[in-house]
Amino acid sequence: MPDPDVLTDSKLIQLLEAIEAVMAHEDAEEAMGVELMREFAAARTLVREWLLHKSPLTLDQRLHVLQVFTEALARRQLAAERRDAPLH
């Protein structure tokens, strides 16, 4: 689990900007599908509420949600790379 002291506001802002950039891409929904777009929207809401200090979740809960989100993205990325890799 990420160290909460490392997740400064500036890092959360960078994360929020990255999430919003992915969501704003013109082909995002087509490329990622509705389910993944919903996950990105949920992550965006989590980070926004975190930055505004309005999250109903505890710090441990927010860190857990963020960890689950990033692990799911990593698994999807790995699966896509394997699927797109040339067969030898």
N, C-alpha and C. Protein backbone atom coordinates (compact mmCIF):
# COMPACT_ATOMS: atom_id res chain seq x y z
N MET A 1 0.85 -1.18 0.00
CA MET A 1 0.00 0.00 0.00
C MET A 1 0.90 1.24 0.00
N PRO A 2 0.54 2.26 -0.76
CA PRO A 2 1.37 3.46 -0.82
C PRO A 2 1.49 4.13 0.55
N ASP A 3 2.63 4.73 0.78
CA ASP A 3 2.86 5.48 2.01
C ASP A 3 2.03 6.76 1.94
N PRO A 4 1.12 7.00 2.92
CA PRO A 4 0.27 8.19 2.86
C PRO A 4 1.05 9.49 2.87
N ASP A 5 2.25 9.49 3.44
CA ASP A 5 3.05 10.71 3.46
C ASP A 5 3.58 11.06 2.08
N VAL A 6 3.68 10.06 1.20
CA VAL A 6 4.19 10.29 -0.15
C VAL A 6 3.11 10.89 -1.04
N LEU A 7 1.85 10.67 -0.69
CA LEU A 7 0.74 11.17 -1.50
C LEU A 7 0.42 12.61 -1.11
N THR A 8 1.28 13.51 -1.49
CA THR A 8 1.08 14.92 -1.22
C THR A 8 0.01 15.47 -2.15
N ASP A 9 -0.46 16.67 -1.85
CA ASP A 9 -1.45 17.29 -2.72
C ASP A 9 -0.93 17.41 -4.15
N SER A 10 0.34 17.73 -4.32
CA SER A 10 0.87 17.89 -5.68
C SER A 10 0.83 16.56 -6.44
N LYS A 11 1.10 15.46 -5.75
CA LYS A 11 1.02 14.15 -6.41
C LYS A 11 -0.43 13.79 -6.73
N LEU A 12 -1.34 14.13 -5.82
CA LEU A 12 -2.75 13.86 -6.08
C LEU A 12 -3.25 14.70 -7.26
N ILE A 13 -2.78 15.93 -7.36
CA ILE A 13 -3.15 16.79 -8.49
C ILE A 13 -2.62 16.19 -9.79
N GLN A 14 -1.39 15.69 -9.77
CA GLN A 14 -0.83 15.05 -10.96
C GLN A 14 -1.66 13.83 -11.35
N LEU A 15 -2.07 13.05 -10.36
CA LEU A 15 -2.90 11.88 -10.62
C LEU A 15 -4.24 12.30 -11.21
N LEU A 16 -4.85 13.32 -10.63
CA LEU A 16 -6.13 13.82 -11.12
C LEU A 16 -6.00 14.30 -12.56
N GLU A 17 -4.94 15.04 -12.85
CA GLU A 17 -4.72 15.53 -14.22
C GLU A 17 -4.53 14.37 -15.20
N ALA A 18 -3.83 13.33 -14.78
CA ALA A 18 -3.63 12.17 -15.65
C ALA A 18 -4.95 11.45 -15.92
N ILE A 19 -5.74 11.27 -14.88
CA ILE A 19 -7.05 10.62 -15.04
C ILE A 19 -7.93 11.44 -15.98
N GLU A 20 -7.97 12.75 -15.77
CA GLU A 20 -8.80 13.61 -16.61
C GLU A 20 -8.30 13.64 -18.05
N ALA A 21 -6.99 13.57 -18.25
CA ALA A 21 -6.44 13.55 -19.61
C ALA A 21 -6.87 12.29 -20.35
N VAL A 22 -6.83 11.17 -19.66
CA VAL A 22 -7.27 9.91 -20.28
C VAL A 22 -8.75 9.99 -20.63
N MET A 23 -9.55 10.49 -19.69
CA MET A 23 -10.99 10.55 -19.92
C MET A 23 -11.36 11.54 -21.02
N ALA A 24 -10.55 12.59 -21.20
CA ALA A 24 -10.86 13.62 -22.19
C ALA A 24 -10.43 13.23 -23.60
N HIS A 25 -9.65 12.17 -23.72
CA HIS A 25 -9.20 11.76 -25.05
C HIS A 25 -10.42 11.42 -25.90
N GLU A 26 -10.40 11.86 -27.14
CA GLU A 26 -11.59 11.72 -28.00
C GLU A 26 -12.03 10.28 -28.22
N ASP A 27 -11.12 9.32 -28.16
CA ASP A 27 -11.48 7.92 -28.39
C ASP A 27 -11.53 7.11 -27.10
N ALA A 28 -11.51 7.77 -25.97
CA ALA A 28 -11.39 7.07 -24.69
C ALA A 28 -12.49 6.05 -24.47
N GLU A 29 -13.73 6.46 -24.60
CA GLU A 29 -14.83 5.53 -24.31
C GLU A 29 -14.83 4.37 -25.28
N GLU A 30 -14.57 4.64 -26.54
CA GLU A 30 -14.54 3.57 -27.53
C GLU A 30 -13.38 2.61 -27.25
N ALA A 31 -12.23 3.15 -26.92
CA ALA A 31 -11.05 2.32 -26.68
C ALA A 31 -11.12 1.55 -25.36
N MET A 32 -11.67 2.18 -24.33
CA MET A 32 -11.65 1.57 -23.00
C MET A 32 -12.95 0.87 -22.63
N GLY A 33 -14.03 1.28 -23.21
CA GLY A 33 -15.30 0.70 -22.85
C GLY A 33 -15.95 1.45 -21.69
N VAL A 34 -17.23 1.25 -21.55
CA VAL A 34 -18.02 1.98 -20.56
C VAL A 34 -17.60 1.62 -19.13
N GLU A 35 -17.34 0.35 -18.87
CA GLU A 35 -16.99 -0.08 -17.51
C GLU A 35 -15.70 0.59 -17.03
N LEU A 36 -14.69 0.61 -17.87
CA LEU A 36 -13.42 1.22 -17.47
C LEU A 36 -13.57 2.74 -17.34
N MET A 37 -14.38 3.35 -18.19
CA MET A 37 -14.63 4.79 -18.06
C MET A 37 -15.30 5.09 -16.72
N ARG A 38 -16.20 4.22 -16.28
CA ARG A 38 -16.84 4.40 -14.97
C ARG A 38 -15.82 4.29 -13.84
N GLU A 39 -14.88 3.36 -13.99
CA GLU A 39 -13.84 3.21 -12.97
C GLU A 39 -12.96 4.46 -12.92
N PHE A 40 -12.65 5.02 -14.09
CA PHE A 40 -11.87 6.25 -14.12
C PHE A 40 -12.65 7.40 -13.49
N ALA A 41 -13.95 7.46 -13.76
CA ALA A 41 -14.78 8.51 -13.16
C ALA A 41 -14.82 8.37 -11.64
N ALA A 42 -14.91 7.15 -11.16
CA ALA A 42 -14.91 6.92 -9.71
C ALA A 42 -13.57 7.32 -9.10
N ALA A 43 -12.48 7.01 -9.79
CA ALA A 43 -11.15 7.40 -9.30
C ALA A 43 -11.01 8.92 -9.29
N ARG A 44 -11.54 9.56 -10.34
CA ARG A 44 -11.50 11.03 -10.40
C ARG A 44 -12.24 11.63 -9.22
N THR A 45 -13.42 11.11 -8.92
CA THR A 45 -14.21 11.60 -7.79
C THR A 45 -13.47 11.38 -6.47
N LEU A 46 -12.88 10.21 -6.31
CA LEU A 46 -12.12 9.91 -5.10
C LEU A 46 -11.00 10.92 -4.89
N VAL A 47 -10.23 11.18 -5.94
CA VAL A 47 -9.09 12.10 -5.81
C VAL A 47 -9.58 13.53 -5.58
N ARG A 48 -10.63 13.93 -6.26
CA ARG A 48 -11.17 15.29 -6.06
C ARG A 48 -11.62 15.49 -4.61
N GLU A 49 -12.39 14.53 -4.10
CA GLU A 49 -12.87 14.62 -2.71
C GLU A 49 -11.70 14.61 -1.74
N TRP A 50 -10.69 13.83 -2.05
CA TRP A 50 -9.50 13.74 -1.20
C TRP A 50 -8.83 15.11 -1.12
N LEU A 51 -8.65 15.73 -2.28
CA LEU A 51 -8.00 17.04 -2.32
C LEU A 51 -8.81 18.12 -1.60
N LEU A 52 -10.13 18.00 -1.66
CA LEU A 52 -11.01 18.98 -1.01
C LEU A 52 -11.27 18.65 0.45
N HIS A 53 -10.70 17.54 0.91
CA HIS A 53 -10.90 17.08 2.29
C HIS A 53 -12.38 16.84 2.57
N LYS A 54 -13.08 16.30 1.57
CA LYS A 54 -14.52 16.04 1.71
C LYS A 54 -14.86 14.57 1.50
N SER A 55 -13.86 13.72 1.52
CA SER A 55 -14.10 12.31 1.30
C SER A 55 -14.77 11.68 2.52
N PRO A 56 -15.82 10.89 2.30
CA PRO A 56 -16.45 10.20 3.42
C PRO A 56 -15.62 9.00 3.89
N LEU A 57 -14.57 8.67 3.13
CA LEU A 57 -13.74 7.51 3.45
C LEU A 57 -12.58 7.91 4.36
N THR A 58 -12.14 6.94 5.15
CA THR A 58 -10.95 7.16 5.96
C THR A 58 -9.73 7.13 5.05
N LEU A 59 -8.60 7.56 5.56
CA LEU A 59 -7.37 7.52 4.78
C LEU A 59 -7.05 6.10 4.33
N ASP A 60 -7.17 5.14 5.23
CA ASP A 60 -6.90 3.75 4.87
C ASP A 60 -7.83 3.26 3.76
N GLN A 61 -9.10 3.64 3.83
CA GLN A 61 -10.05 3.25 2.79
C GLN A 61 -9.70 3.89 1.45
N ARG A 62 -9.34 5.17 1.46
CA ARG A 62 -8.96 5.85 0.21
C ARG A 62 -7.73 5.20 -0.39
N LEU A 63 -6.74 4.89 0.45
CA LEU A 63 -5.53 4.24 -0.05
C LEU A 63 -5.85 2.87 -0.63
N HIS A 64 -6.74 2.15 0.03
CA HIS A 64 -7.13 0.82 -0.47
C HIS A 64 -7.82 0.93 -1.83
N VAL A 65 -8.75 1.86 -1.96
CA VAL A 65 -9.45 2.05 -3.24
C VAL A 65 -8.46 2.42 -4.33
N LEU A 66 -7.55 3.31 -4.03
CA LEU A 66 -6.55 3.72 -5.01
C LEU A 66 -5.65 2.55 -5.39
N GLN A 67 -5.29 1.73 -4.43
CA GLN A 67 -4.47 0.56 -4.71
C GLN A 67 -5.21 -0.42 -5.61
N VAL A 68 -6.47 -0.70 -5.32
CA VAL A 68 -7.26 -1.62 -6.13
C VAL A 68 -7.39 -1.08 -7.56
N PHE A 69 -7.63 0.22 -7.70
CA PHE A 69 -7.76 0.84 -9.02
C PHE A 69 -6.47 0.69 -9.82
N THR A 70 -5.34 1.01 -9.21
CA THR A 70 -4.07 0.94 -9.94
C THR A 70 -3.68 -0.50 -10.26
N GLU A 71 -3.98 -1.43 -9.36
CA GLU A 71 -3.69 -2.83 -9.64
C GLU A 71 -4.54 -3.34 -10.80
N ALA A 72 -5.80 -2.95 -10.84
CA ALA A 72 -6.68 -3.35 -11.94
C ALA A 72 -6.19 -2.78 -13.26
N LEU A 73 -5.75 -1.53 -13.25
CA LEU A 73 -5.20 -0.93 -14.47
C LEU A 73 -3.95 -1.67 -14.93
N ALA A 74 -3.10 -2.03 -13.99
CA ALA A 74 -1.88 -2.76 -14.33
C ALA A 74 -2.21 -4.12 -14.93
N ARG A 75 -3.18 -4.83 -14.37
CA ARG A 75 -3.58 -6.13 -14.92
C ARG A 75 -4.14 -5.98 -16.33
N ARG A 76 -4.97 -4.97 -16.54
CA ARG A 76 -5.52 -4.74 -17.88
C ARG A 76 -4.42 -4.41 -18.88
N GLN A 77 -3.46 -3.58 -18.47
CA GLN A 77 -2.36 -3.21 -19.35
C GLN A 77 -1.54 -4.44 -19.72
N LEU A 78 -1.25 -5.28 -18.75
CA LEU A 78 -0.49 -6.50 -19.00
C LEU A 78 -1.24 -7.41 -19.96
N ALA A 79 -2.54 -7.56 -19.74
CA ALA A 79 -3.35 -8.41 -20.62
C ALA A 79 -3.36 -7.86 -22.03
N ALA A 80 -3.46 -6.54 -22.18
CA ALA A 80 -3.45 -5.93 -23.51
C ALA A 80 -2.11 -6.13 -24.19
N GLU A 81 -1.02 -6.00 -23.44
CA GLU A 81 0.31 -6.20 -24.02
C GLU A 81 0.49 -7.64 -24.47
N ARG A 82 0.02 -8.58 -23.67
CA ARG A 82 0.13 -10.00 -24.05
C ARG A 82 -0.72 -10.30 -25.27
N ARG A 83 -1.90 -9.71 -25.31
CA ARG A 83 -2.80 -9.93 -26.43
C ARG A 83 -2.22 -9.37 -27.72
N ASP A 84 -1.54 -8.23 -27.62
CA ASP A 84 -0.99 -7.56 -28.80
C ASP A 84 0.42 -8.02 -29.17
N ALA A 85 1.04 -8.84 -28.32
CA ALA A 85 2.41 -9.29 -28.58
C ALA A 85 2.42 -10.26 -29.76
N PRO A 86 3.43 -10.14 -30.63
CA PRO A 86 3.52 -11.07 -31.76
C PRO A 86 3.82 -12.48 -31.26
N LEU A 87 3.26 -13.45 -31.93
CA LEU A 87 3.51 -14.85 -31.58
C LEU A 87 4.81 -15.29 -32.22
N HIS A 88 5.63 -16.00 -31.46
CA HIS A 88 6.92 -16.48 -32.00
C HIS A 88 6.89 -17.96 -32.11
